[in-house]
Amino acid sequence: MPELDRIVIVTRPRAQADGLAQAVRASGRTAEILPLLEIGPVDEPAPLRAALARLHEHAMVVFVSPNAVDAAFSCLDGWPPEVPLAVVGEGSRAALARHGVAAPRYTIHSPLDAAHSDSEHLLLSLDLAAFAGRRVLIVRGDGGRELLADALRAAGAMVEAVAAYRRSTPVLTQELAARLRALLAQPNDWIITSSEALRGLAGLVNALEPGSEQLRSQFQQQRLVVPHARIAETAHALGLRHVTLTGSGDARILAALQSQ
């Protein structure tokens, strides 16, 4: 099968998928959007609203994803320039910019190496001792990793983590089942930007026909393009072997697709 016959499947939540899909198409590839995580409002928004009403009390506010940025700013009229922000990746920095928050007017902490968008590299960029005895707010989805909060607390910060949105795996409808079967029928390129999304995909595939060796084999023959080592580790644990690790950022993802 010619290389360019492979479909590129963009699996980001719908709100973040269109721009990347358009860039893939502009490069000459066929792209389909298949969100593997659905983003919705939290059941009880009061804690988020209460935390955002006290922005001036915080030495820093951390946004762990573009969805966290968008959910928070839906409750805000603007951002006080004197309150520093932090983001884990370039996608969140771009989301802040869409809401009018960008350097140099605003202080935005982020990983020093844009190729590594994760909590570990954000922590390396921070003077943790400077937050001892001070309040830090982390805006995130429901659940999620505790590494960032734990590290800040260990440094003496008073950390409040608040959920701004909830994530869920799509329901396996007849339409989704048909799409998955069609996409699994040949090896395609899947852009996977979340370990949770990849585990959700594996669950959906298993639910199509529990115990099917054919479907399992088709799934494991898919080609994955992932921005982070944790996602690659999840893929290998699921038996996927065609995994390209790109580093963070759409430009690196697109370059990897072009080289395949």
C-alpha atoms as a PDB file:
ATOM      1  CA  MET A   1       0.000   0.000   0.000  1.00  0.00           C
ATOM      2  CA  PRO A   2       1.515   3.399  -0.922  1.00  0.00           C
ATOM      3  CA  GLU A   3       2.598   5.427   2.092  1.00  0.00           C
ATOM      4  CA  LEU A   4       0.187   8.295   1.475  1.00  0.00           C
ATOM      5  CA  ASP A   5      -2.799   5.943   1.345  1.00  0.00           C
ATOM      6  CA  ARG A   6      -2.600   5.737   5.125  1.00  0.00           C
ATOM      7  CA  ILE A   7      -5.121   7.942   6.892  1.00  0.00           C
ATOM      8  CA  VAL A   8      -3.935  10.233   9.674  1.00  0.00           C
ATOM      9  CA  ILE A   9      -6.345  10.018  12.586  1.00  0.00           C
ATOM     10  CA  VAL A  10      -6.368  13.028  14.912  1.00  0.00           C
ATOM     11  CA  THR A  11      -7.651  11.843  18.273  1.00  0.00           C
ATOM     12  CA  ARG A  12      -7.523  15.038  20.335  1.00  0.00           C
ATOM     13  CA  PRO A  13     -10.695  16.323  22.009  1.00  0.00           C
ATOM     14  CA  ARG A  14     -12.822  18.032  19.406  1.00  0.00           C
ATOM     15  CA  ALA A  15     -12.001  21.586  20.480  1.00  0.00           C
ATOM     16  CA  GLN A  16      -8.273  21.038  19.862  1.00  0.00           C
ATOM     17  CA  ALA A  17      -8.478  18.762  16.812  1.00  0.00           C
ATOM     18  CA  ASP A  18      -9.416  21.007  13.892  1.00  0.00           C
ATOM     19  CA  GLY A  19      -6.198  23.026  13.606  1.00  0.00           C
ATOM     20  CA  LEU A  20      -3.961  19.961  13.585  1.00  0.00           C
ATOM     21  CA  ALA A  21      -6.222  18.149  11.112  1.00  0.00           C
ATOM     22  CA  GLN A  22      -6.093  21.147   8.767  1.00  0.00           C
ATOM     23  CA  ALA A  23      -2.292  21.211   8.989  1.00  0.00           C
ATOM     24  CA  VAL A  24      -2.146  17.501   8.179  1.00  0.00           C
ATOM     25  CA  ARG A  25      -4.337  18.046   5.106  1.00  0.00           C
ATOM     26  CA  ALA A  26      -2.225  21.015   4.037  1.00  0.00           C
ATOM     27  CA  SER A  27       0.783  18.688   4.024  1.00  0.00           C
ATOM     28  CA  GLY A  28      -0.948  16.448   1.487  1.00  0.00           C
ATOM     29  CA  ARG A  29      -2.207  13.727   3.801  1.00  0.00           C
ATOM     30  CA  THR A  30      -5.770  12.571   4.396  1.00  0.00           C
ATOM     31  CA  ALA A  31      -6.906  13.341   7.942  1.00  0.00           C
ATOM     32  CA  GLU A  32      -9.895  12.214   9.983  1.00  0.00           C
ATOM     33  CA  ILE A  33     -10.908  13.538  13.382  1.00  0.00           C
ATOM     34  CA  LEU A  34     -11.851  10.870  15.908  1.00  0.00           C
ATOM     35  CA  PRO A  35     -11.837  12.316  19.440  1.00  0.00           C
ATOM     36  CA  LEU A  36     -10.916   9.630  21.950  1.00  0.00           C
ATOM     37  CA  LEU A  37     -11.726  11.824  24.944  1.00  0.00           C
ATOM     38  CA  GLU A  38     -14.875  13.834  25.398  1.00  0.00           C
ATOM     39  CA  ILE A  39     -14.555  17.012  27.429  1.00  0.00           C
ATOM     40  CA  GLY A  40     -17.497  18.259  29.453  1.00  0.00           C
ATOM     41  CA  PRO A  41     -18.242  20.594  32.340  1.00  0.00           C
ATOM     42  CA  VAL A  42     -17.757  19.429  35.893  1.00  0.00           C
ATOM     43  CA  ASP A  43     -20.910  18.456  37.748  1.00  0.00           C
ATOM     44  CA  GLU A  44     -20.280  21.082  40.403  1.00  0.00           C
ATOM     45  CA  PRO A  45     -18.578  24.274  39.124  1.00  0.00           C
ATOM     46  CA  ALA A  46     -18.707  26.133  42.465  1.00  0.00           C
ATOM     47  CA  PRO A  47     -15.162  25.158  43.621  1.00  0.00           C
ATOM     48  CA  LEU A  48     -13.658  26.388  40.342  1.00  0.00           C
ATOM     49  CA  ARG A  49     -15.546  29.671  40.474  1.00  0.00           C
ATOM     50  CA  ALA A  50     -14.607  30.167  44.126  1.00  0.00           C
ATOM     51  CA  ALA A  51     -10.924  29.547  43.425  1.00  0.00           C
ATOM     52  CA  LEU A  52     -10.890  31.915  40.449  1.00  0.00           C
ATOM     53  CA  ALA A  53     -12.551  34.612  42.550  1.00  0.00           C
ATOM     54  CA  ARG A  54      -9.432  34.544  44.769  1.00  0.00           C
ATOM     55  CA  LEU A  55      -6.769  34.826  42.078  1.00  0.00           C
ATOM     56  CA  HIS A  56      -4.929  37.621  43.891  1.00  0.00           C
ATOM     57  CA  GLU A  57      -4.250  35.294  46.825  1.00  0.00           C
ATOM     58  CA  HIS A  58      -2.053  33.024  44.720  1.00  0.00           C
ATOM     59  CA  ALA A  59       1.652  33.242  43.974  1.00  0.00           C
ATOM     60  CA  MET A  60       1.044  31.195  40.814  1.00  0.00           C
ATOM     61  CA  VAL A  61      -1.814  29.558  38.922  1.00  0.00           C
ATOM     62  CA  VAL A  62      -0.970  26.424  36.919  1.00  0.00           C
ATOM     63  CA  PHE A  63      -2.998  25.229  33.924  1.00  0.00           C
ATOM     64  CA  VAL A  64      -2.324  21.616  32.996  1.00  0.00           C
ATOM     65  CA  SER A  65      -4.006  21.638  29.559  1.00  0.00           C
ATOM     66  CA  PRO A  66      -5.706  23.839  26.947  1.00  0.00           C
ATOM     67  CA  ASN A  67      -9.047  22.503  28.198  1.00  0.00           C
ATOM     68  CA  ALA A  68      -8.217  23.783  31.685  1.00  0.00           C
ATOM     69  CA  VAL A  69      -7.421  27.215  30.228  1.00  0.00           C
ATOM     70  CA  ASP A  70     -10.635  27.398  28.216  1.00  0.00           C
ATOM     71  CA  ALA A  71     -12.820  26.196  31.085  1.00  0.00           C
ATOM     72  CA  ALA A  72     -11.311  28.720  33.505  1.00  0.00           C
ATOM     73  CA  PHE A  73     -11.546  31.671  31.147  1.00  0.00           C
ATOM     74  CA  SER A  74     -15.208  30.910  30.497  1.00  0.00           C
ATOM     75  CA  CYS A  75     -15.653  32.084  34.110  1.00  0.00           C
ATOM     76  CA  LEU A  76     -13.335  35.118  33.882  1.00  0.00           C
ATOM     77  CA  ASP A  77     -13.516  38.591  32.389  1.00  0.00           C
ATOM     78  CA  GLY A  78      -9.725  38.884  32.257  1.00  0.00           C
ATOM     79  CA  TRP A  79      -6.496  38.013  34.037  1.00  0.00           C
ATOM     80  CA  PRO A  80      -4.726  40.222  36.594  1.00  0.00           C
ATOM     81  CA  PRO A  81      -1.226  40.865  35.186  1.00  0.00           C
ATOM     82  CA  GLU A  82       0.356  40.665  38.645  1.00  0.00           C
ATOM     83  CA  VAL A  83      -0.629  36.994  39.093  1.00  0.00           C
ATOM     84  CA  PRO A  84       1.931  34.660  37.423  1.00  0.00           C
ATOM     85  CA  LEU A  85       0.737  31.673  35.441  1.00  0.00           C
ATOM     86  CA  ALA A  86       2.333  28.354  34.549  1.00  0.00           C
ATOM     87  CA  VAL A  87       1.602  25.894  31.772  1.00  0.00           C
ATOM     88  CA  VAL A  88       2.792  22.378  31.092  1.00  0.00           C
ATOM     89  CA  GLY A  89       2.928  22.697  27.309  1.00  0.00           C
ATOM     90  CA  GLU A  90       2.828  24.911  24.264  1.00  0.00           C
ATOM     91  CA  GLY A  91      -0.812  24.065  23.615  1.00  0.00           C
ATOM     92  CA  SER A  92      -1.791  25.671  26.904  1.00  0.00           C
ATOM     93  CA  ARG A  93       0.394  28.693  26.167  1.00  0.00           C
ATOM     94  CA  ALA A  94      -1.401  29.080  22.829  1.00  0.00           C
ATOM     95  CA  ALA A  95      -4.768  28.753  24.588  1.00  0.00           C
ATOM     96  CA  LEU A  96      -3.796  31.561  26.971  1.00  0.00           C
ATOM     97  CA  ALA A  97      -2.813  33.715  23.996  1.00  0.00           C
ATOM     98  CA  ARG A  98      -6.266  33.185  22.477  1.00  0.00           C
ATOM     99  CA  HIS A  99      -7.659  34.701  25.654  1.00  0.00           C
ATOM    100  CA  GLY A 100      -5.311  37.672  25.436  1.00  0.00           C
ATOM    101  CA  VAL A 101      -2.763  36.435  27.986  1.00  0.00           C
ATOM    102  CA  ALA A 102       0.794  36.414  26.656  1.00  0.00           C
ATOM    103  CA  ALA A 103       4.308  37.608  27.508  1.00  0.00           C
ATOM    104  CA  PRO A 104       5.696  40.141  28.152  1.00  0.00           C
ATOM    105  CA  ARG A 105       2.696  41.672  29.883  1.00  0.00           C
ATOM    106  CA  TYR A 106       2.023  38.449  31.783  1.00  0.00           C
ATOM    107  CA  THR A 107       4.509  36.161  33.523  1.00  0.00           C
ATOM    108  CA  ILE A 108       4.049  32.640  32.173  1.00  0.00           C
ATOM    109  CA  HIS A 109       6.256  29.796  33.437  1.00  0.00           C
ATOM    110  CA  SER A 110       6.716  26.747  31.203  1.00  0.00           C
ATOM    111  CA  PRO A 111       9.212  23.929  30.592  1.00  0.00           C
ATOM    112  CA  LEU A 112      12.559  25.294  29.427  1.00  0.00           C
ATOM    113  CA  ASP A 113      12.629  22.783  26.565  1.00  0.00           C
ATOM    114  CA  ALA A 114       9.457  23.111  24.481  1.00  0.00           C
ATOM    115  CA  ALA A 115       9.965  19.538  23.243  1.00  0.00           C
ATOM    116  CA  HIS A 116       9.144  18.225  26.726  1.00  0.00           C
ATOM    117  CA  SER A 117       5.671  19.259  27.829  1.00  0.00           C
ATOM    118  CA  ASP A 118       5.092  17.593  31.167  1.00  0.00           C
ATOM    119  CA  SER A 119       4.925  18.276  34.863  1.00  0.00           C
ATOM    120  CA  GLU A 120       8.464  17.033  35.431  1.00  0.00           C
ATOM    121  CA  HIS A 121       9.978  19.603  33.072  1.00  0.00           C
ATOM    122  CA  LEU A 122       7.752  22.393  34.368  1.00  0.00           C
ATOM    123  CA  LEU A 123       9.025  21.685  37.884  1.00  0.00           C
ATOM    124  CA  LEU A 124      12.619  21.929  36.635  1.00  0.00           C
ATOM    125  CA  SER A 125      11.882  25.443  35.369  1.00  0.00           C
ATOM    126  CA  LEU A 126      10.534  26.695  38.713  1.00  0.00           C
ATOM    127  CA  ASP A 127      12.299  28.010  41.792  1.00  0.00           C
ATOM    128  CA  LEU A 128      10.292  25.783  44.103  1.00  0.00           C
ATOM    129  CA  ALA A 129      11.735  27.326  47.268  1.00  0.00           C
ATOM    130  CA  ALA A 130      10.158  30.650  46.274  1.00  0.00           C
ATOM    131  CA  PHE A 131       6.684  29.148  46.812  1.00  0.00           C
ATOM    132  CA  ALA A 132       7.234  28.023  50.412  1.00  0.00           C
ATOM    133  CA  GLY A 133       4.381  29.304  52.543  1.00  0.00           C
ATOM    134  CA  ARG A 134       2.577  30.739  49.512  1.00  0.00           C
ATOM    135  CA  ARG A 135      -0.605  29.664  47.749  1.00  0.00           C
ATOM    136  CA  VAL A 136      -0.541  27.890  44.372  1.00  0.00           C
ATOM    137  CA  LEU A 137      -3.664  26.992  42.402  1.00  0.00           C
ATOM    138  CA  ILE A 138      -3.644  24.091  39.926  1.00  0.00           C
ATOM    139  CA  VAL A 139      -6.474  24.069  37.366  1.00  0.00           C
ATOM    140  CA  ARG A 140      -6.921  20.652  35.779  1.00  0.00           C
ATOM    141  CA  GLY A 141      -9.369  17.994  34.684  1.00  0.00           C
ATOM    142  CA  ASP A 142     -11.056  15.628  37.093  1.00  0.00           C
ATOM    143  CA  GLY A 143      -8.489  13.196  38.419  1.00  0.00           C
ATOM    144  CA  GLY A 144      -5.073  13.401  36.784  1.00  0.00           C
ATOM    145  CA  ARG A 145      -1.516  13.087  38.056  1.00  0.00           C
ATOM    146  CA  GLU A 146      -0.563  14.357  41.511  1.00  0.00           C
ATOM    147  CA  LEU A 147       3.149  14.784  40.784  1.00  0.00           C
ATOM    148  CA  LEU A 148       3.019  18.564  40.354  1.00  0.00           C
ATOM    149  CA  ALA A 149       0.887  19.182  43.440  1.00  0.00           C
ATOM    150  CA  ASP A 150       2.961  16.792  45.545  1.00  0.00           C
ATOM    151  CA  ALA A 151       6.253  18.436  44.518  1.00  0.00           C
ATOM    152  CA  LEU A 152       4.959  21.916  45.297  1.00  0.00           C
ATOM    153  CA  ARG A 153       3.613  20.785  48.668  1.00  0.00           C
ATOM    154  CA  ALA A 154       6.940  19.136  49.450  1.00  0.00           C
ATOM    155  CA  ALA A 155       8.563  22.518  48.804  1.00  0.00           C
ATOM    156  CA  GLY A 156       6.245  24.121  51.367  1.00  0.00           C
ATOM    157  CA  ALA A 157       3.603  25.589  49.057  1.00  0.00           C
ATOM    158  CA  MET A 158      -0.068  25.598  50.021  1.00  0.00           C
ATOM    159  CA  VAL A 159      -1.577  23.915  46.970  1.00  0.00           C
ATOM    160  CA  GLU A 160      -5.206  23.877  45.915  1.00  0.00           C
ATOM    161  CA  ALA A 161      -6.126  21.695  42.936  1.00  0.00           C
ATOM    162  CA  VAL A 162      -9.494  22.318  41.330  1.00  0.00           C
ATOM    163  CA  ALA A 163     -11.259  20.458  38.522  1.00  0.00           C
ATOM    164  CA  ALA A 164     -12.324  22.638  35.610  1.00  0.00           C
ATOM    165  CA  TYR A 165     -13.660  19.922  33.305  1.00  0.00           C
ATOM    166  CA  ARG A 166     -14.304  16.206  33.146  1.00  0.00           C
ATOM    167  CA  ARG A 167     -13.016  13.659  30.676  1.00  0.00           C
ATOM    168  CA  SER A 168     -14.730  10.541  29.424  1.00  0.00           C
ATOM    169  CA  THR A 169     -14.251   7.898  26.764  1.00  0.00           C
ATOM    170  CA  PRO A 170     -16.840   8.087  23.954  1.00  0.00           C
ATOM    171  CA  VAL A 171     -19.762   5.690  24.121  1.00  0.00           C
ATOM    172  CA  LEU A 172     -19.406   2.846  21.618  1.00  0.00           C
ATOM    173  CA  THR A 173     -22.361   3.594  19.356  1.00  0.00           C
ATOM    174  CA  GLN A 174     -23.063   1.681  16.150  1.00  0.00           C
ATOM    175  CA  GLU A 175     -21.646   4.597  14.165  1.00  0.00           C
ATOM    176  CA  LEU A 176     -18.421   4.686  16.183  1.00  0.00           C
ATOM    177  CA  ALA A 177     -18.082   0.912  15.969  1.00  0.00           C
ATOM    178  CA  ALA A 178     -18.355   1.067  12.169  1.00  0.00           C
ATOM    179  CA  ARG A 179     -15.737   3.853  11.981  1.00  0.00           C
ATOM    180  CA  LEU A 180     -13.320   1.953  14.196  1.00  0.00           C
ATOM    181  CA  ARG A 181     -13.681  -1.247  12.182  1.00  0.00           C
ATOM    182  CA  ALA A 182     -13.025   0.653   8.957  1.00  0.00           C
ATOM    183  CA  LEU A 183      -9.962   2.432  10.370  1.00  0.00           C
ATOM    184  CA  LEU A 184      -8.531  -0.764  11.843  1.00  0.00           C
ATOM    185  CA  ALA A 185      -8.919  -2.640   8.554  1.00  0.00           C
ATOM    186  CA  GLN A 186      -5.566  -1.242   7.386  1.00  0.00           C
ATOM    187  CA  PRO A 187      -2.540   0.233   9.201  1.00  0.00           C
ATOM    188  CA  ASN A 188      -3.072   3.980   9.636  1.00  0.00           C
ATOM    189  CA  ASP A 189      -1.274   6.790  11.460  1.00  0.00           C
ATOM    190  CA  TRP A 190      -2.880   7.705  14.797  1.00  0.00           C
ATOM    191  CA  ILE A 191      -1.864  10.923  16.520  1.00  0.00           C
ATOM    192  CA  ILE A 192      -2.250  10.091  20.208  1.00  0.00           C
ATOM    193  CA  THR A 193      -1.575  12.906  22.679  1.00  0.00           C
ATOM    194  CA  SER A 194      -2.829  11.286  25.891  1.00  0.00           C
ATOM    195  CA  SER A 195      -2.200   7.955  27.608  1.00  0.00           C
ATOM    196  CA  GLU A 196      -5.780   8.074  28.864  1.00  0.00           C
ATOM    197  CA  ALA A 197      -7.037   8.427  25.286  1.00  0.00           C
ATOM    198  CA  LEU A 198      -4.924   5.467  24.162  1.00  0.00           C
ATOM    199  CA  ARG A 199      -6.234   3.274  26.958  1.00  0.00           C
ATOM    200  CA  GLY A 200      -9.736   4.377  26.001  1.00  0.00           C
ATOM    201  CA  LEU A 201      -9.100   3.358  22.389  1.00  0.00           C
ATOM    202  CA  ALA A 202      -7.882  -0.063  23.504  1.00  0.00           C
ATOM    203  CA  GLY A 203     -11.066  -0.460  25.559  1.00  0.00           C
ATOM    204  CA  LEU A 204     -13.252   0.519  22.623  1.00  0.00           C
ATOM    205  CA  VAL A 205     -11.466  -1.941  20.338  1.00  0.00           C
ATOM    206  CA  ASN A 206     -11.936  -4.741  22.854  1.00  0.00           C
ATOM    207  CA  ALA A 207     -15.604  -3.853  23.225  1.00  0.00           C
ATOM    208  CA  LEU A 208     -16.141  -4.221  19.464  1.00  0.00           C
ATOM    209  CA  GLU A 209     -15.687  -7.962  19.737  1.00  0.00           C
ATOM    210  CA  PRO A 210     -14.321  -9.111  23.099  1.00  0.00           C
ATOM    211  CA  GLY A 211     -11.496 -11.598  22.766  1.00  0.00           C
ATOM    212  CA  SER A 212     -11.170 -11.252  18.987  1.00  0.00           C
ATOM    213  CA  GLU A 213      -7.595 -12.070  17.975  1.00  0.00           C
ATOM    214  CA  GLN A 214      -8.160 -10.524  14.550  1.00  0.00           C
ATOM    215  CA  LEU A 215      -9.164  -7.150  15.973  1.00  0.00           C
ATOM    216  CA  ARG A 216      -6.350  -7.300  18.524  1.00  0.00           C
ATOM    217  CA  SER A 217      -3.865  -7.934  15.731  1.00  0.00           C
ATOM    218  CA  GLN A 218      -5.304  -5.117  13.611  1.00  0.00           C
ATOM    219  CA  PHE A 219      -5.074  -2.753  16.573  1.00  0.00           C
ATOM    220  CA  GLN A 220      -1.466  -3.668  17.279  1.00  0.00           C
ATOM    221  CA  GLN A 221      -0.508  -3.075  13.625  1.00  0.00           C
ATOM    222  CA  GLN A 222      -1.578   0.569  13.770  1.00  0.00           C
ATOM    223  CA  ARG A 223       1.133   3.251  13.615  1.00  0.00           C
ATOM    224  CA  LEU A 224       1.179   5.717  16.475  1.00  0.00           C
ATOM    225  CA  VAL A 225       2.690   9.202  16.555  1.00  0.00           C
ATOM    226  CA  VAL A 226       3.025  10.368  20.166  1.00  0.00           C
ATOM    227  CA  PRO A 227       4.590  13.456  21.770  1.00  0.00           C
ATOM    228  CA  HIS A 228       5.587  11.993  25.123  1.00  0.00           C
ATOM    229  CA  ALA A 229       7.520   8.992  26.427  1.00  0.00           C
ATOM    230  CA  ARG A 230       4.722   8.076  28.865  1.00  0.00           C
ATOM    231  CA  ILE A 231       2.336   7.586  25.954  1.00  0.00           C
ATOM    232  CA  ALA A 232       4.913   5.460  24.131  1.00  0.00           C
ATOM    233  CA  GLU A 233       5.282   3.302  27.246  1.00  0.00           C
ATOM    234  CA  THR A 234       1.502   2.875  27.401  1.00  0.00           C
ATOM    235  CA  ALA A 235       1.474   1.887  23.715  1.00  0.00           C
ATOM    236  CA  HIS A 236       4.182  -0.728  24.198  1.00  0.00           C
ATOM    237  CA  ALA A 237       2.354  -2.147  27.215  1.00  0.00           C
ATOM    238  CA  LEU A 238      -0.716  -2.576  24.979  1.00  0.00           C
ATOM    239  CA  GLY A 239       1.330  -4.477  22.399  1.00  0.00           C
ATOM    240  CA  LEU A 240       1.697  -1.649  19.873  1.00  0.00           C
ATOM    241  CA  ARG A 241       5.141  -1.656  18.310  1.00  0.00           C
ATOM    242  CA  HIS A 242       4.953   0.949  15.532  1.00  0.00           C
ATOM    243  CA  VAL A 243       5.374   4.001  17.747  1.00  0.00           C
ATOM    244  CA  THR A 244       7.094   7.252  16.765  1.00  0.00           C
ATOM    245  CA  LEU A 245       8.032   9.551  19.650  1.00  0.00           C
ATOM    246  CA  THR A 246       8.189  13.154  18.450  1.00  0.00           C
ATOM    247  CA  GLY A 247       8.493  15.477  21.426  1.00  0.00           C
ATOM    248  CA  SER A 248       5.877  18.129  22.109  1.00  0.00           C
ATOM    249  CA  GLY A 249       4.370  20.534  19.624  1.00  0.00           C
ATOM    250  CA  ASP A 250       2.379  20.239  16.418  1.00  0.00           C
ATOM    251  CA  ALA A 251       5.415  21.090  14.282  1.00  0.00           C
ATOM    252  CA  ARG A 252       7.260  18.013  15.548  1.00  0.00           C
ATOM    253  CA  ILE A 253       4.199  15.820  15.035  1.00  0.00           C
ATOM    254  CA  LEU A 254       3.788  17.060  11.451  1.00  0.00           C
ATOM    255  CA  ALA A 255       7.494  16.579  10.704  1.00  0.00           C
ATOM    256  CA  ALA A 256       7.284  12.996  11.942  1.00  0.00           C
ATOM    257  CA  LEU A 257       4.296  12.283   9.720  1.00  0.00           C
ATOM    258  CA  GLN A 258       6.106  13.694   6.711  1.00  0.00           C
ATOM    259  CA  SER A 259       9.108  11.452   7.349  1.00  0.00           C
ATOM    260  CA  GLN A 260       7.103   8.231   7.467  1.00  0.00           C
END
